[in-house]
Amino acid sequence: MSPVRRLRRFRRAELPVDTVELARFLIGKVVVRNLKFGRLIGRIVETEAYPIGDVAGHAFRGKTPRNGSLFLERGHAYVYFGYGSSFLLNVSSERPGVGGGVLLRAIEPLEGIERMVRWRGKTKPADIGRGPGRLTKAIKVDLHQDGSDLCAPGPLWLGATTQATGAIGKSVRIGLTRNAQRLLRFYERGNPHVSGPKRLRQ
C-alpha cells in the first residue's frame, strides 16, 4: 500500500474536552508510530470511553503512580499492561488533574503493514490491529510510551487524513462486569478491522 498522504498532527485545541465526545471523535483518525526505520500508521476504527466517575475506569479511585497519565491534559498516552499479556493504549481525555480516558480498541493498518504482520506473526490482514492488545503489538507500543504527548512531535502521535469516515455505531463496552450496560463503545460500521462479536460490529 502506498504511503499515506495529507497527514497532519492534531493540535490539542482540536480535541474535545470530554471523554465520550473524544471517543467518538477519534473514529476515522490515525495513530502514528515513528521508529528509526520508518513509520507505522493505523486508522482508528474502534474506541471505548471511560469517563469521569466510571467505576470501570482506571481513574475511578483517584490518581496513583500507575495511572497518573490519565490525569494529564487531554491528548496524552496512558499505556498499561493488561490481561497478563498485552499493553493497552489509551488517550487522556479531560482537563489537567481530572481522570478520564479513551481506549483505542482497533486500527485499520495504513502504512508499515509488512512490519506489523512480521511482529504479529501469521495473521489475516483484518486481524493485525483488531483488538487493543493486537493494536499495540502491531505498532510497537509499550510502557515506554506512557505519558507521551500525542499532540506534539515525537514517537507516537494522533492525526487526521483526508479519508472519509463511515457511519459510526455505538454499543456496550466489551468484557466488562461493572457499568457494563452503558453505550460507550464507538466503531466504524462495516469495517472488517473492528473487534468483538458480530452482533457488536454491525
Protein backbone atom coordinates (compact mmCIF):
# COMPACT_ATOMS: atom_id res chain seq x y z
CA MET A 1 0.00 0.00 0.00
CA SER A 2 1.33 3.46 -0.85
CA PRO A 3 2.30 5.86 1.98
CA VAL A 4 -0.49 7.92 3.49
CA ARG A 5 -0.63 11.45 2.10
CA ARG A 6 -2.02 14.67 3.52
CA LEU A 7 -1.38 13.54 7.05
CA ARG A 8 -1.36 16.16 9.80
CA ARG A 9 -0.88 16.07 13.55
CA PHE A 10 -3.72 17.29 15.76
CA ARG A 11 -3.45 20.43 17.81
CA ARG A 12 -4.70 19.90 21.35
CA ALA A 13 -7.34 22.58 20.84
CA GLU A 14 -8.98 20.34 18.23
CA LEU A 15 -9.62 17.54 20.72
CA PRO A 16 -12.96 17.64 22.60
CA VAL A 17 -12.64 18.24 26.35
CA ASP A 18 -14.99 15.38 27.14
CA THR A 19 -14.25 11.66 27.26
CA VAL A 20 -17.32 10.42 25.42
CA GLU A 21 -17.06 13.09 22.73
CA LEU A 22 -13.37 12.31 22.24
CA ALA A 23 -14.06 8.58 21.90
CA ARG A 24 -16.45 9.29 19.04
CA PHE A 25 -14.20 11.99 17.53
CA LEU A 26 -11.24 9.61 17.23
CA ILE A 27 -13.07 7.19 14.93
CA GLY A 28 -11.54 7.58 11.48
CA LYS A 29 -8.48 9.43 12.80
CA VAL A 30 -4.97 7.95 12.76
CA VAL A 31 -2.35 6.94 15.29
CA VAL A 32 1.24 7.31 14.05
CA ARG A 33 4.25 5.47 15.46
CA ASN A 34 7.62 6.87 14.39
CA LEU A 35 10.53 4.43 14.56
CA LYS A 36 14.13 4.73 13.39
CA PHE A 37 13.42 2.71 10.25
CA GLY A 38 10.19 4.46 9.29
CA ARG A 39 6.67 4.99 10.49
CA LEU A 40 3.64 2.84 11.19
CA ILE A 41 0.15 4.25 10.73
CA GLY A 42 -3.18 2.82 11.79
CA ARG A 43 -6.61 4.30 11.23
CA ILE A 44 -8.65 4.16 14.43
CA VAL A 45 -11.89 2.24 13.86
CA GLU A 46 -12.96 1.34 17.40
CA THR A 47 -12.75 3.08 20.80
CA GLU A 48 -14.21 2.85 24.29
CA ALA A 49 -14.84 5.77 26.64
CA TYR A 50 -14.04 5.62 30.36
CA PRO A 51 -15.43 8.96 31.58
CA ILE A 52 -15.25 10.77 34.91
CA GLY A 53 -16.72 8.72 37.77
CA ASP A 54 -16.89 5.48 35.78
CA VAL A 55 -16.32 2.57 38.19
CA ALA A 56 -14.93 0.53 35.28
CA GLY A 57 -12.22 3.12 34.59
CA HIS A 58 -8.71 3.16 36.00
CA ALA A 59 -9.16 6.71 37.27
CA PHE A 60 -12.15 5.91 39.49
CA ARG A 61 -10.19 5.57 42.75
CA GLY A 62 -8.02 8.59 42.09
CA LYS A 63 -4.51 9.29 40.88
CA THR A 64 -1.75 6.75 41.56
CA PRO A 65 1.80 6.26 40.24
CA ARG A 66 0.39 3.71 37.80
CA ASN A 67 -2.47 5.74 36.30
CA GLY A 68 -1.01 9.25 36.52
CA SER A 69 -1.06 9.74 32.75
CA LEU A 70 -4.88 9.59 32.79
CA PHE A 71 -4.86 12.82 34.78
CA LEU A 72 -2.73 14.74 32.29
CA GLU A 73 -4.23 17.29 29.92
CA ARG A 74 -6.23 15.65 27.14
CA GLY A 75 -4.19 14.16 24.31
CA HIS A 76 -1.59 12.20 26.26
CA ALA A 77 -0.95 8.46 26.11
CA TYR A 78 -1.84 6.21 29.02
CA VAL A 79 -0.34 2.77 28.50
CA TYR A 80 -0.80 -0.12 30.89
CA PHE A 81 -0.19 -3.86 30.93
CA GLY A 82 -3.45 -5.81 30.93
CA TYR A 83 -4.79 -9.33 30.66
CA GLY A 84 -1.39 -10.60 31.81
CA SER A 85 -0.08 -10.49 28.27
CA SER A 86 -0.66 -7.21 26.42
CA PHE A 87 -0.13 -3.47 26.60
CA LEU A 88 -3.19 -1.28 26.05
CA LEU A 89 -3.13 2.26 24.65
CA ASN A 90 -5.47 4.96 25.92
CA VAL A 91 -5.78 8.70 25.31
CA SER A 92 -6.27 11.05 28.28
CA SER A 93 -9.48 12.96 27.72
CA GLU A 94 -10.22 15.65 30.29
CA ARG A 95 -8.71 18.78 31.81
CA PRO A 96 -5.43 18.55 33.76
CA GLY A 97 -5.96 16.83 37.10
CA VAL A 98 -9.22 15.18 36.04
CA GLY A 99 -9.08 11.47 35.28
CA GLY A 100 -10.68 10.10 32.12
CA GLY A 101 -9.54 8.13 29.12
CA VAL A 102 -10.36 6.62 25.75
CA LEU A 103 -9.17 3.10 25.00
CA LEU A 104 -8.08 2.51 21.40
CA ARG A 105 -9.55 -0.90 20.63
CA ALA A 106 -8.80 -1.43 16.93
CA ILE A 107 -6.96 0.04 13.97
CA GLU A 108 -7.03 -0.45 10.23
CA PRO A 109 -3.36 -0.62 9.14
CA LEU A 110 -2.46 2.00 6.53
CA GLU A 111 1.33 2.17 6.41
CA GLY A 112 4.11 -0.15 7.55
CA ILE A 113 1.85 -3.14 7.13
CA GLU A 114 4.64 -5.60 6.29
CA ARG A 115 6.37 -4.85 9.58
CA MET A 116 3.10 -5.10 11.51
CA VAL A 117 2.49 -8.53 10.01
CA ARG A 118 6.03 -9.61 10.93
CA TRP A 119 5.58 -8.58 14.56
CA ARG A 120 2.10 -10.01 14.87
CA GLY A 121 3.03 -13.32 13.25
CA LYS A 122 0.96 -15.09 10.63
CA THR A 123 -2.43 -13.49 10.70
CA LYS A 124 -5.22 -12.37 8.42
CA PRO A 125 -4.90 -8.72 7.31
CA ALA A 126 -8.12 -7.80 9.11
CA ASP A 127 -6.75 -9.19 12.38
CA ILE A 128 -3.49 -7.20 12.51
CA GLY A 129 -4.85 -4.48 14.80
CA ARG A 130 -8.23 -5.98 15.66
CA GLY A 131 -8.35 -5.69 19.44
CA PRO A 132 -6.46 -3.49 21.93
CA GLY A 133 -3.62 -5.95 22.60
CA ARG A 134 -3.06 -6.69 18.93
CA LEU A 135 -3.10 -2.96 18.21
CA THR A 136 -0.16 -2.20 20.50
CA LYS A 137 1.84 -5.18 19.23
CA ALA A 138 1.29 -4.06 15.64
CA ILE A 139 2.60 -0.53 16.22
CA LYS A 140 5.23 -1.37 18.88
CA VAL A 141 3.70 0.44 21.85
CA ASP A 142 4.66 -0.43 25.43
CA LEU A 143 5.22 1.33 28.77
CA HIS A 144 7.97 3.49 27.26
CA GLN A 145 5.22 5.50 25.53
CA ASP A 146 3.17 6.04 28.68
CA GLY A 147 2.69 9.79 29.18
CA SER A 148 3.69 10.72 25.62
CA ASP A 149 2.16 13.92 24.29
CA LEU A 150 0.11 12.75 21.31
CA CYS A 151 -0.24 16.30 20.00
CA ALA A 152 3.49 17.01 19.81
CA PRO A 153 6.33 15.85 17.54
CA GLY A 154 7.59 12.56 18.88
CA PRO A 155 7.49 8.77 18.61
CA LEU A 156 3.70 8.49 18.95
CA TRP A 157 1.01 10.95 17.90
CA LEU A 158 -2.56 11.42 16.69
CA GLY A 159 -3.52 12.88 13.36
CA ALA A 160 -6.01 13.11 10.55
CA THR A 161 -6.06 12.33 6.84
CA THR A 162 -8.43 13.24 4.06
CA GLN A 163 -10.05 9.79 4.14
CA ALA A 164 -13.74 10.00 4.93
CA THR A 165 -15.19 8.26 7.98
CA GLY A 166 -18.10 5.86 7.53
CA ALA A 167 -21.21 5.63 9.68
CA ILE A 168 -20.36 5.40 13.38
CA GLY A 169 -22.09 2.87 15.58
CA LYS A 170 -22.14 2.60 19.36
CA SER A 171 -22.66 -0.26 21.78
CA VAL A 172 -21.86 -1.54 25.23
CA ARG A 173 -18.19 -1.93 26.03
CA ILE A 174 -16.55 -5.34 25.68
CA GLY A 175 -15.52 -7.63 28.53
CA LEU A 176 -16.78 -5.53 31.46
CA THR A 177 -18.72 -6.55 34.55
CA ARG A 178 -19.11 -3.06 36.06
CA ASN A 179 -21.13 -0.35 34.30
CA ALA A 180 -21.46 -2.93 31.55
CA GLN A 181 -24.67 -1.59 30.01
CA ARG A 182 -23.51 1.91 29.16
CA LEU A 183 -23.22 2.63 25.43
CA LEU A 184 -19.66 3.92 25.48
CA ARG A 185 -18.05 1.93 22.67
CA PHE A 186 -17.80 3.54 19.22
CA TYR A 187 -16.83 1.93 15.94
CA GLU A 188 -16.95 2.40 12.19
CA ARG A 189 -19.83 0.31 10.90
CA GLY A 190 -18.94 -2.35 8.34
CA ASN A 191 -15.19 -2.07 8.86
CA PRO A 192 -13.65 -5.58 8.96
CA HIS A 193 -10.94 -4.46 11.40
CA VAL A 194 -13.42 -3.80 14.22
CA SER A 195 -13.18 -6.27 17.11
CA GLY A 196 -15.77 -8.02 19.22
CA PRO A 197 -18.66 -10.36 18.49
CA LYS A 198 -20.50 -9.98 15.21
CA ARG A 199 -23.61 -8.54 16.88
CA LEU A 200 -21.49 -5.59 18.12
CA ARG A 201 -19.89 -4.90 14.72
CA GLN A 202 -22.93 -4.34 12.53
